[in-house]
Structure formats: C-alpha cells, structure tokens
Amino acid sequence: PEDHQLQLVDPELEIEEEDDSFESIDKLTTHGINAGDVKKLQDAGIYTCNGLMMHTKKSLTSIKGLSDAKVDKICEAAEKLV
C-alpha cells in the first residue's frame, strides 16, 4: 500500500518541475474551456497541454463527459497554448 501512495505523489512532483516548459491545462480555461472539463482531464491523468496532445482524439472522447465537440475545442485551445 505504501508503494501505491508514492506512485500517486510522483506525477505531481514531475509536473512542478516541468511547469516552466509545459503549459498547465488549467490555462485552457482562459481559452473558453469549462473548468469541469479541465478537471475531467486531470482526473484522467492529463496535466499539461503537451501531455494532452500526446493522446488520440479517440482516447480523449473515451473520458466520461467529454464529447467529440468538446475534445475538438479542447485540442484547439491546447494548440494555441503550446
């Protein structure tokens, strides 16, 4: 169980170090993306725009609550930030 908790903390530590070169997906809200949709991406383990763009549209639409139209809008906003 302790190992499992360490894994949960590690991605966040990585994100803080990468923050200088990777735009946080929190910034998508400044491009018209709903904060709730950003939270869904974070819950799926996506924290940066670069990380988001490594996913296929199909894998993003499989996230509960994200439609094709929302994914298109999110990807367009992420491209502007990168």
PDB file of N, CA and C in Angstrom:
ATOM      1  N   PRO A   1       0.816  -1.216   0.000  1.00  0.00           N
ATOM      2  CA  PRO A   1       0.000   0.000   0.000  1.00  0.00           C
ATOM      3  C   PRO A   1       0.858   1.278   0.000  1.00  0.00           C
ATOM      4  N   GLU A   2       1.976   1.263   0.716  1.00  0.00           N
ATOM      5  CA  GLU A   2       2.815   2.464   0.751  1.00  0.00           C
ATOM      6  C   GLU A   2       3.373   2.786  -0.631  1.00  0.00           C
ATOM      7  N   ASP A   3       3.781   1.772  -1.365  1.00  0.00           N
ATOM      8  CA  ASP A   3       4.290   1.980  -2.724  1.00  0.00           C
ATOM      9  C   ASP A   3       3.233   2.639  -3.598  1.00  0.00           C
ATOM     10  N   HIS A   4       1.996   2.194  -3.443  1.00  0.00           N
ATOM     11  CA  HIS A   4       0.910   2.747  -4.251  1.00  0.00           C
ATOM     12  C   HIS A   4       0.739   4.245  -3.980  1.00  0.00           C
ATOM     13  N   GLN A   5       0.853   4.648  -2.726  1.00  0.00           N
ATOM     14  CA  GLN A   5       0.731   6.065  -2.389  1.00  0.00           C
ATOM     15  C   GLN A   5       1.864   6.873  -3.003  1.00  0.00           C
ATOM     16  N   LEU A   6       3.062   6.314  -3.028  1.00  0.00           N
ATOM     17  CA  LEU A   6       4.193   7.020  -3.625  1.00  0.00           C
ATOM     18  C   LEU A   6       3.945   7.276  -5.104  1.00  0.00           C
ATOM     19  N   GLN A   7       3.360   6.314  -5.795  1.00  0.00           N
ATOM     20  CA  GLN A   7       3.065   6.485  -7.216  1.00  0.00           C
ATOM     21  C   GLN A   7       2.084   7.636  -7.428  1.00  0.00           C
ATOM     22  N   LEU A   8       1.158   7.808  -6.523  1.00  0.00           N
ATOM     23  CA  LEU A   8       0.189   8.890  -6.665  1.00  0.00           C
ATOM     24  C   LEU A   8       0.851  10.255  -6.518  1.00  0.00           C
ATOM     25  N   VAL A   9       1.883  10.338  -5.714  1.00  0.00           N
ATOM     26  CA  VAL A   9       2.562  11.616  -5.488  1.00  0.00           C
ATOM     27  C   VAL A   9       3.539  11.945  -6.615  1.00  0.00           C
ATOM     28  N   ASP A  10       4.220  10.938  -7.155  1.00  0.00           N
ATOM     29  CA  ASP A  10       5.251  11.162  -8.163  1.00  0.00           C
ATOM     30  C   ASP A  10       4.830  12.012  -9.366  1.00  0.00           C
ATOM     31  N   PRO A  11       3.684  11.742 -10.008  1.00  0.00           N
ATOM     32  CA  PRO A  11       3.335  12.564 -11.176  1.00  0.00           C
ATOM     33  C   PRO A  11       3.241  14.047 -10.834  1.00  0.00           C
ATOM     34  N   GLU A  12       2.748  14.373  -9.658  1.00  0.00           N
ATOM     35  CA  GLU A  12       2.629  15.776  -9.280  1.00  0.00           C
ATOM     36  C   GLU A  12       3.994  16.422  -9.115  1.00  0.00           C
ATOM     37  N   LEU A  13       4.943  15.695  -8.566  1.00  0.00           N
ATOM     38  CA  LEU A  13       6.294  16.238  -8.421  1.00  0.00           C
ATOM     39  C   LEU A  13       6.889  16.521  -9.794  1.00  0.00           C
ATOM     40  N   GLU A  14       6.681  15.601 -10.725  1.00  0.00           N
ATOM     41  CA  GLU A  14       7.172  15.783 -12.091  1.00  0.00           C
ATOM     42  C   GLU A  14       6.561  17.025 -12.727  1.00  0.00           C
ATOM     43  N   ILE A  15       5.283  17.210 -12.530  1.00  0.00           N
ATOM     44  CA  ILE A  15       4.578  18.342 -13.137  1.00  0.00           C
ATOM     45  C   ILE A  15       5.188  19.659 -12.659  1.00  0.00           C
ATOM     46  N   GLU A  16       5.445  19.763 -11.360  1.00  0.00           N
ATOM     47  CA  GLU A  16       6.006  21.008 -10.837  1.00  0.00           C
ATOM     48  C   GLU A  16       7.347  21.330 -11.480  1.00  0.00           C
ATOM     49  N   GLU A  17       8.159  20.311 -11.696  1.00  0.00           N
ATOM     50  CA  GLU A  17       9.464  20.533 -12.316  1.00  0.00           C
ATOM     51  C   GLU A  17       9.318  20.943 -13.777  1.00  0.00           C
ATOM     52  N   GLU A  18       8.333  20.382 -14.459  1.00  0.00           N
ATOM     53  CA  GLU A  18       8.153  20.640 -15.888  1.00  0.00           C
ATOM     54  C   GLU A  18       7.383  21.924 -16.161  1.00  0.00           C
ATOM     55  N   ASP A  19       6.817  22.513 -15.137  1.00  0.00           N
ATOM     56  CA  ASP A  19       5.919  23.641 -15.330  1.00  0.00           C
ATOM     57  C   ASP A  19       6.490  24.772 -16.184  1.00  0.00           C
ATOM     58  N   ASP A  20       7.801  24.964 -16.150  1.00  0.00           N
ATOM     59  CA  ASP A  20       8.399  26.041 -16.926  1.00  0.00           C
ATOM     60  C   ASP A  20       8.232  25.824 -18.427  1.00  0.00           C
ATOM     61  N   SER A  21       8.355  24.591 -18.876  1.00  0.00           N
ATOM     62  CA  SER A  21       8.321  24.335 -20.312  1.00  0.00           C
ATOM     63  C   SER A  21       6.999  23.730 -20.799  1.00  0.00           C
ATOM     64  N   PHE A  22       6.140  23.343 -19.892  1.00  0.00           N
ATOM     65  CA  PHE A  22       4.864  22.757 -20.279  1.00  0.00           C
ATOM     66  C   PHE A  22       3.725  23.574 -19.689  1.00  0.00           C
ATOM     67  N   GLU A  23       2.821  24.020 -20.546  1.00  0.00           N
ATOM     68  CA  GLU A  23       1.676  24.796 -20.073  1.00  0.00           C
ATOM     69  C   GLU A  23       0.704  23.885 -19.330  1.00  0.00           C
ATOM     70  N   SER A  24       0.297  24.295 -18.146  1.00  0.00           N
ATOM     71  CA  SER A  24      -0.689  23.554 -17.371  1.00  0.00           C
ATOM     72  C   SER A  24      -2.030  23.600 -18.092  1.00  0.00           C
ATOM     73  N   ILE A  25      -2.780  22.494 -18.051  1.00  0.00           N
ATOM     74  CA  ILE A  25      -4.089  22.515 -18.707  1.00  0.00           C
ATOM     75  C   ILE A  25      -5.069  23.424 -17.971  1.00  0.00           C
ATOM     76  N   ASP A  26      -4.707  23.880 -16.763  1.00  0.00           N
ATOM     77  CA  ASP A  26      -5.551  24.872 -16.082  1.00  0.00           C
ATOM     78  C   ASP A  26      -5.730  26.107 -16.961  1.00  0.00           C
ATOM     79  N   LYS A  27      -4.724  26.410 -17.777  1.00  0.00           N
ATOM     80  CA  LYS A  27      -4.775  27.608 -18.624  1.00  0.00           C
ATOM     81  C   LYS A  27      -5.788  27.478 -19.756  1.00  0.00           C
ATOM     82  N   LEU A  28      -6.300  26.272 -19.996  1.00  0.00           N
ATOM     83  CA  LEU A  28      -7.324  26.095 -21.028  1.00  0.00           C
ATOM     84  C   LEU A  28      -8.577  26.900 -20.697  1.00  0.00           C
ATOM     85  N   THR A  29      -8.801  27.139 -19.405  1.00  0.00           N
ATOM     86  CA  THR A  29      -9.997  27.895 -19.015  1.00  0.00           C
ATOM     87  C   THR A  29      -9.949  29.325 -19.559  1.00  0.00           C
ATOM     88  N   THR A  30      -8.755  29.852 -19.816  1.00  0.00           N
ATOM     89  CA  THR A  30      -8.649  31.204 -20.383  1.00  0.00           C
ATOM     90  C   THR A  30      -8.971  31.200 -21.879  1.00  0.00           C
ATOM     91  N   HIS A  31      -9.119  30.013 -22.459  1.00  0.00           N
ATOM     92  CA  HIS A  31      -9.465  29.883 -23.876  1.00  0.00           C
ATOM     93  C   HIS A  31     -10.860  29.286 -24.046  1.00  0.00           C
ATOM     94  N   GLY A  32     -11.713  29.508 -23.053  1.00  0.00           N
ATOM     95  CA  GLY A  32     -13.114  29.119 -23.169  1.00  0.00           C
ATOM     96  C   GLY A  32     -13.435  27.674 -22.830  1.00  0.00           C
ATOM     97  N   ILE A  33     -12.486  26.970 -22.220  1.00  0.00           N
ATOM     98  CA  ILE A  33     -12.763  25.579 -21.833  1.00  0.00           C
ATOM     99  C   ILE A  33     -13.304  25.568 -20.401  1.00  0.00           C
ATOM    100  N   ASN A  34     -14.382  24.849 -20.205  1.00  0.00           N
ATOM    101  CA  ASN A  34     -15.046  24.746 -18.908  1.00  0.00           C
ATOM    102  C   ASN A  34     -14.108  24.120 -17.866  1.00  0.00           C
ATOM    103  N   ALA A  35     -14.075  24.704 -16.665  1.00  0.00           N
ATOM    104  CA  ALA A  35     -13.215  24.188 -15.590  1.00  0.00           C
ATOM    105  C   ALA A  35     -13.557  22.733 -15.251  1.00  0.00           C
ATOM    106  N   GLY A  36     -14.819  22.369 -15.384  1.00  0.00           N
ATOM    107  CA  GLY A  36     -15.235  20.989 -15.128  1.00  0.00           C
ATOM    108  C   GLY A  36     -14.607  20.016 -16.117  1.00  0.00           C
ATOM    109  N   ASP A  37     -14.478  20.465 -17.376  1.00  0.00           N
ATOM    110  CA  ASP A  37     -13.845  19.617 -18.392  1.00  0.00           C
ATOM    111  C   ASP A  37     -12.352  19.485 -18.121  1.00  0.00           C
ATOM    112  N   VAL A  38     -11.731  20.568 -17.660  1.00  0.00           N
ATOM    113  CA  VAL A  38     -10.309  20.522 -17.297  1.00  0.00           C
ATOM    114  C   VAL A  38     -10.114  19.521 -16.159  1.00  0.00           C
ATOM    115  N   LYS A  39     -11.026  19.532 -15.188  1.00  0.00           N
ATOM    116  CA  LYS A  39     -10.963  18.597 -14.061  1.00  0.00           C
ATOM    117  C   LYS A  39     -11.064  17.152 -14.559  1.00  0.00           C
ATOM    118  N   LYS A  40     -11.922  16.907 -15.550  1.00  0.00           N
ATOM    119  CA  LYS A  40     -12.054  15.550 -16.104  1.00  0.00           C
ATOM    120  C   LYS A  40     -10.731  15.097 -16.714  1.00  0.00           C
ATOM    121  N   LEU A  41     -10.037  16.010 -17.392  1.00  0.00           N
ATOM    122  CA  LEU A  41      -8.733  15.677 -17.976  1.00  0.00           C
ATOM    123  C   LEU A  41      -7.731  15.355 -16.867  1.00  0.00           C
ATOM    124  N   GLN A  42      -7.738  16.174 -15.806  1.00  0.00           N
ATOM    125  CA  GLN A  42      -6.818  15.947 -14.688  1.00  0.00           C
ATOM    126  C   GLN A  42      -7.117  14.613 -14.010  1.00  0.00           C
ATOM    127  N   ASP A  43      -8.393  14.304 -13.852  1.00  0.00           N
ATOM    128  CA  ASP A  43      -8.775  13.022 -13.248  1.00  0.00           C
ATOM    129  C   ASP A  43      -8.288  11.851 -14.102  1.00  0.00           C
ATOM    130  N   ALA A  44      -8.153  12.090 -15.405  1.00  0.00           N
ATOM    131  CA  ALA A  44      -7.668  11.047 -16.321  1.00  0.00           C
ATOM    132  C   ALA A  44      -6.139  11.032 -16.387  1.00  0.00           C
ATOM    133  N   GLY A  45      -5.494  11.911 -15.602  1.00  0.00           N
ATOM    134  CA  GLY A  45      -4.031  11.908 -15.537  1.00  0.00           C
ATOM    135  C   GLY A  45      -3.349  12.837 -16.524  1.00  0.00           C
ATOM    136  N   ILE A  46      -4.099  13.779 -17.087  1.00  0.00           N
ATOM    137  CA  ILE A  46      -3.525  14.724 -18.054  1.00  0.00           C
ATOM    138  C   ILE A  46      -3.400  16.081 -17.361  1.00  0.00           C
ATOM    139  N   TYR A  47      -2.158  16.584 -17.261  1.00  0.00           N
ATOM    140  CA  TYR A  47      -1.924  17.817 -16.507  1.00  0.00           C
ATOM    141  C   TYR A  47      -1.317  18.945 -17.332  1.00  0.00           C
ATOM    142  N   THR A  48      -0.793  18.633 -18.515  1.00  0.00           N
ATOM    143  CA  THR A  48      -0.179  19.676 -19.339  1.00  0.00           C
ATOM    144  C   THR A  48      -0.752  19.622 -20.748  1.00  0.00           C
ATOM    145  N   CYS A  49      -0.660  20.743 -21.465  1.00  0.00           N
ATOM    146  CA  CYS A  49      -1.136  20.771 -22.847  1.00  0.00           C
ATOM    147  C   CYS A  49      -0.329  19.813 -23.714  1.00  0.00           C
ATOM    148  N   ASN A  50       0.978  19.729 -23.452  1.00  0.00           N
ATOM    149  CA  ASN A  50       1.809  18.797 -24.217  1.00  0.00           C
ATOM    150  C   ASN A  50       1.355  17.360 -23.965  1.00  0.00           C
ATOM    151  N   GLY A  51       1.061  17.047 -22.711  1.00  0.00           N
ATOM    152  CA  GLY A  51       0.568  15.716 -22.369  1.00  0.00           C
ATOM    153  C   GLY A  51      -0.761  15.431 -23.046  1.00  0.00           C
ATOM    154  N   LEU A  52      -1.614  16.440 -23.083  1.00  0.00           N
ATOM    155  CA  LEU A  52      -2.918  16.316 -23.727  1.00  0.00           C
ATOM    156  C   LEU A  52      -2.760  15.980 -25.205  1.00  0.00           C
ATOM    157  N   MET A  53      -1.830  16.654 -25.862  1.00  0.00           N
ATOM    158  CA  MET A  53      -1.670  16.485 -27.306  1.00  0.00           C
ATOM    159  C   MET A  53      -1.040  15.145 -27.685  1.00  0.00           C
ATOM    160  N   MET A  54      -0.526  14.417 -26.701  1.00  0.00           N
ATOM    161  CA  MET A  54       0.017  13.082 -26.977  1.00  0.00           C
ATOM    162  C   MET A  54      -1.090  12.033 -27.045  1.00  0.00           C
ATOM    163  N   HIS A  55      -2.290  12.403 -26.634  1.00  0.00           N
ATOM    164  CA  HIS A  55      -3.417  11.473 -26.661  1.00  0.00           C
ATOM    165  C   HIS A  55      -4.143  11.577 -28.000  1.00  0.00           C
ATOM    166  N   THR A  56      -4.726  10.460 -28.423  1.00  0.00           N
ATOM    167  CA  THR A  56      -5.540  10.489 -29.635  1.00  0.00           C
ATOM    168  C   THR A  56      -6.915  11.044 -29.285  1.00  0.00           C
ATOM    169  N   LYS A  57      -7.587  11.561 -30.302  1.00  0.00           N
ATOM    170  CA  LYS A  57      -8.938  12.075 -30.084  1.00  0.00           C
ATOM    171  C   LYS A  57      -9.831  10.966 -29.524  1.00  0.00           C
ATOM    172  N   LYS A  58      -9.645   9.759 -30.044  1.00  0.00           N
ATOM    173  CA  LYS A  58     -10.465   8.623 -29.594  1.00  0.00           C
ATOM    174  C   LYS A  58     -10.265   8.366 -28.102  1.00  0.00           C
ATOM    175  N   SER A  59      -9.012   8.428 -27.636  1.00  0.00           N
ATOM    176  CA  SER A  59      -8.772   8.169 -26.211  1.00  0.00           C
ATOM    177  C   SER A  59      -9.342   9.297 -25.353  1.00  0.00           C
ATOM    178  N   LEU A  60      -9.328  10.523 -25.877  1.00  0.00           N
ATOM    179  CA  LEU A  60      -9.879  11.651 -25.119  1.00  0.00           C
ATOM    180  C   LEU A  60     -11.401  11.584 -25.053  1.00  0.00           C
ATOM    181  N   THR A  61     -12.048  11.169 -26.151  1.00  0.00           N
ATOM    182  CA  THR A  61     -13.513  11.082 -26.126  1.00  0.00           C
ATOM    183  C   THR A  61     -13.988   9.920 -25.261  1.00  0.00           C
ATOM    184  N   SER A  62     -13.079   8.998 -24.910  1.00  0.00           N
ATOM    185  CA  SER A  62     -13.468   7.896 -24.024  1.00  0.00           C
ATOM    186  C   SER A  62     -13.513   8.345 -22.563  1.00  0.00           C
ATOM    187  N   ILE A  63     -13.005   9.554 -22.277  1.00  0.00           N
ATOM    188  CA  ILE A  63     -13.094  10.100 -20.920  1.00  0.00           C
ATOM    189  C   ILE A  63     -14.551  10.486 -20.683  1.00  0.00           C
ATOM    190  N   LYS A  64     -15.109   9.995 -19.614  1.00  0.00           N
ATOM    191  CA  LYS A  64     -16.527  10.217 -19.332  1.00  0.00           C
ATOM    192  C   LYS A  64     -16.848  11.712 -19.300  1.00  0.00           C
ATOM    193  N   GLY A  65     -17.846  12.113 -20.078  1.00  0.00           N
ATOM    194  CA  GLY A  65     -18.296  13.504 -20.075  1.00  0.00           C
ATOM    195  C   GLY A  65     -17.655  14.379 -21.140  1.00  0.00           C
ATOM    196  N   LEU A  66     -16.736  13.823 -21.930  1.00  0.00           N
ATOM    197  CA  LEU A  66     -16.113  14.609 -23.000  1.00  0.00           C
ATOM    198  C   LEU A  66     -16.611  14.117 -24.360  1.00  0.00           C
ATOM    199  N   SER A  67     -17.383  14.964 -25.031  1.00  0.00           N
ATOM    200  CA  SER A  67     -17.916  14.626 -26.353  1.00  0.00           C
ATOM    201  C   SER A  67     -16.888  14.950 -27.431  1.00  0.00           C
ATOM    202  N   ASP A  68     -17.162  14.508 -28.660  1.00  0.00           N
ATOM    203  CA  ASP A  68     -16.284  14.836 -29.796  1.00  0.00           C
ATOM    204  C   ASP A  68     -16.100  16.343 -29.915  1.00  0.00           C
ATOM    205  N   ALA A  69     -17.202  17.078 -29.813  1.00  0.00           N
ATOM    206  CA  ALA A  69     -17.145  18.537 -29.968  1.00  0.00           C
ATOM    207  C   ALA A  69     -16.284  19.171 -28.878  1.00  0.00           C
ATOM    208  N   LYS A  70     -16.441  18.692 -27.642  1.00  0.00           N
ATOM    209  CA  LYS A  70     -15.632  19.229 -26.537  1.00  0.00           C
ATOM    210  C   LYS A  70     -14.158  18.922 -26.749  1.00  0.00           C
ATOM    211  N   VAL A  71     -13.856  17.699 -27.189  1.00  0.00           N
ATOM    212  CA  VAL A  71     -12.463  17.303 -27.415  1.00  0.00           C
ATOM    213  C   VAL A  71     -11.842  18.171 -28.510  1.00  0.00           C
ATOM    214  N   ASP A  72     -12.605  18.428 -29.582  1.00  0.00           N
ATOM    215  CA  ASP A  72     -12.101  19.304 -30.657  1.00  0.00           C
ATOM    216  C   ASP A  72     -11.759  20.679 -30.102  1.00  0.00           C
ATOM    217  N   LYS A  73     -12.667  21.219 -29.296  1.00  0.00           N
ATOM    218  CA  LYS A  73     -12.472  22.556 -28.728  1.00  0.00           C
ATOM    219  C   LYS A  73     -11.264  22.572 -27.777  1.00  0.00           C
ATOM    220  N   ILE A  74     -11.146  21.539 -26.956  1.00  0.00           N
ATOM    221  CA  ILE A  74     -10.029  21.431 -26.008  1.00  0.00           C
ATOM    222  C   ILE A  74      -8.701  21.348 -26.765  1.00  0.00           C
ATOM    223  N   CYS A  75      -8.666  20.534 -27.819  1.00  0.00           N
ATOM    224  CA  CYS A  75      -7.425  20.378 -28.596  1.00  0.00           C
ATOM    225  C   CYS A  75      -7.038  21.677 -29.294  1.00  0.00           C
ATOM    226  N   GLU A  76      -8.023  22.396 -29.832  1.00  0.00           N
ATOM    227  CA  GLU A  76      -7.745  23.686 -30.479  1.00  0.00           C
ATOM    228  C   GLU A  76      -7.157  24.665 -29.470  1.00  0.00           C
ATOM    229  N   ALA A  77      -7.742  24.707 -28.276  1.00  0.00           N
ATOM    230  CA  ALA A  77      -7.253  25.619 -27.236  1.00  0.00           C
ATOM    231  C   ALA A  77      -5.841  25.230 -26.805  1.00  0.00           C
ATOM    232  N   ALA A  78      -5.584  23.934 -26.671  1.00  0.00           N
ATOM    233  CA  ALA A  78      -4.260  23.457 -26.254  1.00  0.00           C
ATOM    234  C   ALA A  78      -3.200  23.828 -27.288  1.00  0.00           C
ATOM    235  N   GLU A  79      -3.547  23.726 -28.567  1.00  0.00           N
ATOM    236  CA  GLU A  79      -2.594  24.074 -29.628  1.00  0.00           C
ATOM    237  C   GLU A  79      -2.191  25.541 -29.544  1.00  0.00           C
ATOM    238  N   LYS A  80      -3.132  26.395 -29.159  1.00  0.00           N
ATOM    239  CA  LYS A  80      -2.828  27.832 -29.025  1.00  0.00           C
ATOM    240  C   LYS A  80      -1.848  28.091 -27.881  1.00  0.00           C
ATOM    241  N   LEU A  81      -1.899  27.241 -26.862  1.00  0.00           N
ATOM    242  CA  LEU A  81      -1.058  27.446 -25.681  1.00  0.00           C
ATOM    243  C   LEU A  81       0.344  26.869 -25.834  1.00  0.00           C
ATOM    244  N   VAL A  82       0.503  25.905 -26.726  1.00  0.00           N
ATOM    245  CA  VAL A  82       1.806  25.224 -26.841  1.00  0.00           C
ATOM    246  C   VAL A  82       2.760  26.022 -27.728  1.00  0.00           C
TER     247      VAL A  82
END
